[in-house]
Amino acid sequence: MDQKALEAAQQAGDVLGARAILMDAYDTDVRPMLREVRGEMNLDPDPMAAFARSGYAEKVAAERVGGQQAGWGA
């Protein structure tokens, strides 16, 4: 999102213009760029799939069996 464009639209009282700029920011799909950057960093381009394959969630769940539940005190 172009912060200066948003500020200019707000200062001009252009609510619809400001909304259009904001919606453009929300509609921008950054996933292709993130996949590329992760690939350049030698990381799995799909972090959610990498997490699922890692087995970390299952490992943590197994470690917590029989543990004490967190609470607000006594």
C-alpha atoms as a PDB file:
ATOM      1  CA  MET A   1       0.000   0.000   0.000  1.00  0.00           C
ATOM      2  CA  ASP A   2       1.248   3.446  -0.863  1.00  0.00           C
ATOM      3  CA  GLN A   3       1.091   5.282   2.476  1.00  0.00           C
ATOM      4  CA  LYS A   4       1.534   8.700   0.860  1.00  0.00           C
ATOM      5  CA  ALA A   5      -1.346   8.046  -1.544  1.00  0.00           C
ATOM      6  CA  LEU A   6      -3.592   7.030   1.340  1.00  0.00           C
ATOM      7  CA  GLU A   7      -2.629  10.096   3.378  1.00  0.00           C
ATOM      8  CA  ALA A   8      -3.202  12.391   0.396  1.00  0.00           C
ATOM      9  CA  ALA A   9      -6.656  10.894  -0.248  1.00  0.00           C
ATOM     10  CA  GLN A  10      -7.582  11.328   3.429  1.00  0.00           C
ATOM     11  CA  GLN A  11      -6.336  14.920   3.531  1.00  0.00           C
ATOM     12  CA  ALA A  12      -8.351  15.733   0.435  1.00  0.00           C
ATOM     13  CA  GLY A  13     -11.439  14.275   2.093  1.00  0.00           C
ATOM     14  CA  ASP A  14     -11.641  11.618  -0.610  1.00  0.00           C
ATOM     15  CA  VAL A  15     -13.096   8.788   1.447  1.00  0.00           C
ATOM     16  CA  LEU A  16     -13.857   6.661  -1.599  1.00  0.00           C
ATOM     17  CA  GLY A  17     -10.331   7.148  -2.940  1.00  0.00           C
ATOM     18  CA  ALA A  18      -8.854   6.187   0.424  1.00  0.00           C
ATOM     19  CA  ARG A  19     -11.062   3.104   0.516  1.00  0.00           C
ATOM     20  CA  ALA A  20      -9.953   2.121  -3.000  1.00  0.00           C
ATOM     21  CA  ILE A  21      -6.292   2.368  -1.995  1.00  0.00           C
ATOM     22  CA  LEU A  22      -6.917   0.333   1.134  1.00  0.00           C
ATOM     23  CA  MET A  23      -8.814  -2.347  -0.789  1.00  0.00           C
ATOM     24  CA  ASP A  24      -5.986  -2.544  -3.339  1.00  0.00           C
ATOM     25  CA  ALA A  25      -3.629  -3.302  -0.459  1.00  0.00           C
ATOM     26  CA  TYR A  26      -5.911  -6.066   0.832  1.00  0.00           C
ATOM     27  CA  ASP A  27      -6.350  -7.491  -2.655  1.00  0.00           C
ATOM     28  CA  THR A  28      -2.622  -7.720  -3.317  1.00  0.00           C
ATOM     29  CA  ASP A  29      -1.527 -11.355  -3.251  1.00  0.00           C
ATOM     30  CA  VAL A  30       2.003 -11.471  -1.833  1.00  0.00           C
ATOM     31  CA  ARG A  31       2.181 -15.270  -1.751  1.00  0.00           C
ATOM     32  CA  PRO A  32       4.150 -15.588  -5.020  1.00  0.00           C
ATOM     33  CA  MET A  33       6.721 -13.093  -3.753  1.00  0.00           C
ATOM     34  CA  LEU A  34       6.983 -14.882  -0.409  1.00  0.00           C
ATOM     35  CA  ARG A  35       7.495 -18.262  -2.151  1.00  0.00           C
ATOM     36  CA  GLU A  36      10.298 -16.720  -4.189  1.00  0.00           C
ATOM     37  CA  VAL A  37      11.996 -15.163  -1.168  1.00  0.00           C
ATOM     38  CA  ARG A  38      11.697 -18.385   0.841  1.00  0.00           C
ATOM     39  CA  GLY A  39      13.237 -20.295  -2.089  1.00  0.00           C
ATOM     40  CA  GLU A  40      16.152 -17.836  -2.231  1.00  0.00           C
ATOM     41  CA  MET A  41      16.668 -18.433   1.501  1.00  0.00           C
ATOM     42  CA  ASN A  42      16.709 -22.220   0.924  1.00  0.00           C
ATOM     43  CA  LEU A  43      13.483 -22.586   2.902  1.00  0.00           C
ATOM     44  CA  ASP A  44      10.463 -24.614   1.876  1.00  0.00           C
ATOM     45  CA  PRO A  45       8.354 -22.341  -0.330  1.00  0.00           C
ATOM     46  CA  ASP A  46       5.200 -23.632   1.422  1.00  0.00           C
ATOM     47  CA  PRO A  47       5.625 -23.037   5.171  1.00  0.00           C
ATOM     48  CA  MET A  48       2.322 -24.654   6.127  1.00  0.00           C
ATOM     49  CA  ALA A  49       3.147 -27.871   4.280  1.00  0.00           C
ATOM     50  CA  ALA A  50       6.646 -27.834   5.795  1.00  0.00           C
ATOM     51  CA  PHE A  51       5.145 -27.493   9.270  1.00  0.00           C
ATOM     52  CA  ALA A  52       2.736 -30.379   8.645  1.00  0.00           C
ATOM     53  CA  ARG A  53       5.602 -32.597   7.400  1.00  0.00           C
ATOM     54  CA  SER A  54       7.829 -31.686  10.340  1.00  0.00           C
ATOM     55  CA  GLY A  55       5.719 -33.603  12.854  1.00  0.00           C
ATOM     56  CA  TYR A  56       6.196 -30.779  15.367  1.00  0.00           C
ATOM     57  CA  ALA A  57       2.495 -30.532  16.331  1.00  0.00           C
ATOM     58  CA  GLU A  58       2.316 -34.266  17.040  1.00  0.00           C
ATOM     59  CA  LYS A  59       5.580 -34.145  19.022  1.00  0.00           C
ATOM     60  CA  VAL A  60       4.353 -31.299  21.229  1.00  0.00           C
ATOM     61  CA  ALA A  61       0.970 -32.965  21.753  1.00  0.00           C
ATOM     62  CA  ALA A  62       2.689 -36.196  22.828  1.00  0.00           C
ATOM     63  CA  GLU A  63       4.936 -34.310  25.250  1.00  0.00           C
ATOM     64  CA  ARG A  64       1.924 -32.666  26.874  1.00  0.00           C
ATOM     65  CA  VAL A  65       0.083 -35.920  27.673  1.00  0.00           C
ATOM     66  CA  GLY A  66      -0.426 -36.094  31.425  1.00  0.00           C
ATOM     67  CA  GLY A  67       0.872 -32.590  31.945  1.00  0.00           C
ATOM     68  CA  GLN A  68      -0.725 -29.915  34.075  1.00  0.00           C
ATOM     69  CA  GLN A  69      -3.257 -27.604  32.552  1.00  0.00           C
ATOM     70  CA  ALA A  70      -2.433 -23.907  32.593  1.00  0.00           C
ATOM     71  CA  GLY A  71      -4.659 -21.775  34.773  1.00  0.00           C
ATOM     72  CA  TRP A  72      -5.066 -18.519  36.637  1.00  0.00           C
ATOM     73  CA  GLY A  73      -3.659 -19.721  39.919  1.00  0.00           C
ATOM     74  CA  ALA A  74      -4.782 -21.882  42.806  1.00  0.00           C
END
